[in-house]
Amino acid sequence: MAYAPIMLRRTLYTALTLAALAVATPAVAYAGPPVGQHQSVTYTYYSTAAKTTAVGWYSYGYCGEPFDYGTHTAYFTIVVVNC
């Protein structure tokens, strides 16, 4: 039974890794600046790191209606607008 502690450690390591990924992934995807009064935040998503072709947009805040269309990618810019 010498191999039981190794299996236990491997199982624990795998469980902790998966838990860390599950917690970290959504926070990265949706973490954004808070909006103040008379402000809106707009994300523009791009197809590559070169940021030449926009493929999606997401906006929230007080300047106009919020919108979310297109594709969300890992390549984006954030613009805060005062209105």
C-alpha atoms as a PDB file:
ATOM      1  CA  MET A   1       0.000   0.000   0.000  1.00  0.00           C
ATOM      2  CA  ALA A   2       2.917   2.330  -0.507  1.00  0.00           C
ATOM      3  CA  TYR A   3       1.354   3.790  -3.609  1.00  0.00           C
ATOM      4  CA  ALA A   4      -1.857   4.987  -1.890  1.00  0.00           C
ATOM      5  CA  PRO A   5      -0.303   8.264  -0.623  1.00  0.00           C
ATOM      6  CA  ILE A   6       0.966   9.018  -4.148  1.00  0.00           C
ATOM      7  CA  MET A   7      -2.524   8.523  -5.602  1.00  0.00           C
ATOM      8  CA  LEU A   8      -4.005  10.669  -2.854  1.00  0.00           C
ATOM      9  CA  ARG A   9      -1.529  13.472  -3.569  1.00  0.00           C
ATOM     10  CA  ARG A  10      -2.160  13.238  -7.327  1.00  0.00           C
ATOM     11  CA  THR A  11      -5.938  13.329  -6.815  1.00  0.00           C
ATOM     12  CA  LEU A  12      -5.673  16.269  -4.424  1.00  0.00           C
ATOM     13  CA  TYR A  13      -3.373  18.161  -6.806  1.00  0.00           C
ATOM     14  CA  THR A  14      -5.756  17.581  -9.715  1.00  0.00           C
ATOM     15  CA  ALA A  15      -8.775  18.700  -7.680  1.00  0.00           C
ATOM     16  CA  LEU A  16      -7.027  21.851  -6.467  1.00  0.00           C
ATOM     17  CA  THR A  17      -5.837  22.715  -9.984  1.00  0.00           C
ATOM     18  CA  LEU A  18      -9.325  22.331 -11.449  1.00  0.00           C
ATOM     19  CA  ALA A  19     -10.845  24.379  -8.621  1.00  0.00           C
ATOM     20  CA  ALA A  20      -8.315  27.163  -9.145  1.00  0.00           C
ATOM     21  CA  LEU A  21      -9.028  27.253 -12.877  1.00  0.00           C
ATOM     22  CA  ALA A  22     -12.780  27.306 -12.320  1.00  0.00           C
ATOM     23  CA  VAL A  23     -12.496  30.236  -9.934  1.00  0.00           C
ATOM     24  CA  ALA A  24      -9.933  32.226 -11.932  1.00  0.00           C
ATOM     25  CA  THR A  25     -11.393  31.935 -15.429  1.00  0.00           C
ATOM     26  CA  PRO A  26     -14.697  33.855 -15.023  1.00  0.00           C
ATOM     27  CA  ALA A  27     -13.037  36.617 -13.018  1.00  0.00           C
ATOM     28  CA  VAL A  28     -10.649  37.322 -15.861  1.00  0.00           C
ATOM     29  CA  ALA A  29     -13.354  37.278 -18.492  1.00  0.00           C
ATOM     30  CA  TYR A  30     -15.725  39.693 -16.827  1.00  0.00           C
ATOM     31  CA  ALA A  31     -13.578  41.844 -14.586  1.00  0.00           C
ATOM     32  CA  GLY A  32     -14.031  45.434 -15.639  1.00  0.00           C
ATOM     33  CA  PRO A  33     -13.820  48.916 -14.314  1.00  0.00           C
ATOM     34  CA  PRO A  34     -16.783  50.090 -12.252  1.00  0.00           C
ATOM     35  CA  VAL A  35     -18.832  52.903 -13.715  1.00  0.00           C
ATOM     36  CA  GLY A  36     -19.483  56.137 -11.920  1.00  0.00           C
ATOM     37  CA  GLN A  37     -22.357  58.504 -12.459  1.00  0.00           C
ATOM     38  CA  HIS A  38     -22.556  59.705 -16.055  1.00  0.00           C
ATOM     39  CA  GLN A  39     -20.076  57.090 -17.328  1.00  0.00           C
ATOM     40  CA  SER A  40     -20.182  54.077 -19.618  1.00  0.00           C
ATOM     41  CA  VAL A  41     -17.631  51.372 -20.341  1.00  0.00           C
ATOM     42  CA  THR A  42     -17.253  49.866 -23.810  1.00  0.00           C
ATOM     43  CA  TYR A  43     -15.207  46.775 -24.666  1.00  0.00           C
ATOM     44  CA  THR A  44     -14.164  46.206 -28.264  1.00  0.00           C
ATOM     45  CA  TYR A  45     -13.077  42.616 -28.987  1.00  0.00           C
ATOM     46  CA  TYR A  46     -10.614  41.772 -31.777  1.00  0.00           C
ATOM     47  CA  SER A  47      -9.872  38.590 -33.705  1.00  0.00           C
ATOM     48  CA  THR A  48      -6.090  38.624 -33.034  1.00  0.00           C
ATOM     49  CA  ALA A  49      -3.514  40.304 -30.813  1.00  0.00           C
ATOM     50  CA  ALA A  50      -2.784  42.752 -33.642  1.00  0.00           C
ATOM     51  CA  LYS A  51      -6.228  44.299 -32.908  1.00  0.00           C
ATOM     52  CA  THR A  52      -6.994  45.128 -36.530  1.00  0.00           C
ATOM     53  CA  THR A  53     -10.372  43.409 -36.999  1.00  0.00           C
ATOM     54  CA  ALA A  54     -13.146  44.049 -34.460  1.00  0.00           C
ATOM     55  CA  VAL A  55     -15.404  41.038 -33.911  1.00  0.00           C
ATOM     56  CA  GLY A  56     -17.524  42.054 -30.901  1.00  0.00           C
ATOM     57  CA  TRP A  57     -18.634  44.833 -28.569  1.00  0.00           C
ATOM     58  CA  TYR A  58     -19.953  45.037 -25.023  1.00  0.00           C
ATOM     59  CA  SER A  59     -21.093  48.191 -23.224  1.00  0.00           C
ATOM     60  CA  TYR A  60     -22.645  49.025 -19.859  1.00  0.00           C
ATOM     61  CA  GLY A  61     -23.217  52.128 -17.760  1.00  0.00           C
ATOM     62  CA  TYR A  62     -25.268  55.315 -17.930  1.00  0.00           C
ATOM     63  CA  CYS A  63     -24.587  56.664 -21.454  1.00  0.00           C
ATOM     64  CA  GLY A  64     -27.198  55.008 -23.663  1.00  0.00           C
ATOM     65  CA  GLU A  65     -28.533  51.481 -23.731  1.00  0.00           C
ATOM     66  CA  PRO A  66     -26.220  48.613 -22.764  1.00  0.00           C
ATOM     67  CA  PHE A  67     -25.380  46.239 -25.609  1.00  0.00           C
ATOM     68  CA  ASP A  68     -23.532  42.988 -26.168  1.00  0.00           C
ATOM     69  CA  TYR A  69     -23.074  41.528 -29.631  1.00  0.00           C
ATOM     70  CA  GLY A  70     -20.512  39.714 -31.673  1.00  0.00           C
ATOM     71  CA  THR A  71     -17.802  37.438 -30.317  1.00  0.00           C
ATOM     72  CA  HIS A  72     -15.871  37.879 -27.071  1.00  0.00           C
ATOM     73  CA  THR A  73     -12.166  37.057 -27.397  1.00  0.00           C
ATOM     74  CA  ALA A  74      -9.048  37.406 -25.282  1.00  0.00           C
ATOM     75  CA  TYR A  75      -7.981  40.480 -27.310  1.00  0.00           C
ATOM     76  CA  PHE A  76      -9.873  43.631 -26.365  1.00  0.00           C
ATOM     77  CA  THR A  77      -9.655  47.304 -25.501  1.00  0.00           C
ATOM     78  CA  ILE A  78     -11.647  49.137 -22.828  1.00  0.00           C
ATOM     79  CA  VAL A  79     -12.880  52.714 -23.200  1.00  0.00           C
ATOM     80  CA  VAL A  80     -14.538  54.677 -20.374  1.00  0.00           C
ATOM     81  CA  VAL A  81     -16.796  57.479 -21.656  1.00  0.00           C
ATOM     82  CA  ASN A  82     -18.097  60.429 -19.630  1.00  0.00           C
ATOM     83  CA  CYS A  83     -21.505  61.766 -20.680  1.00  0.00           C
END
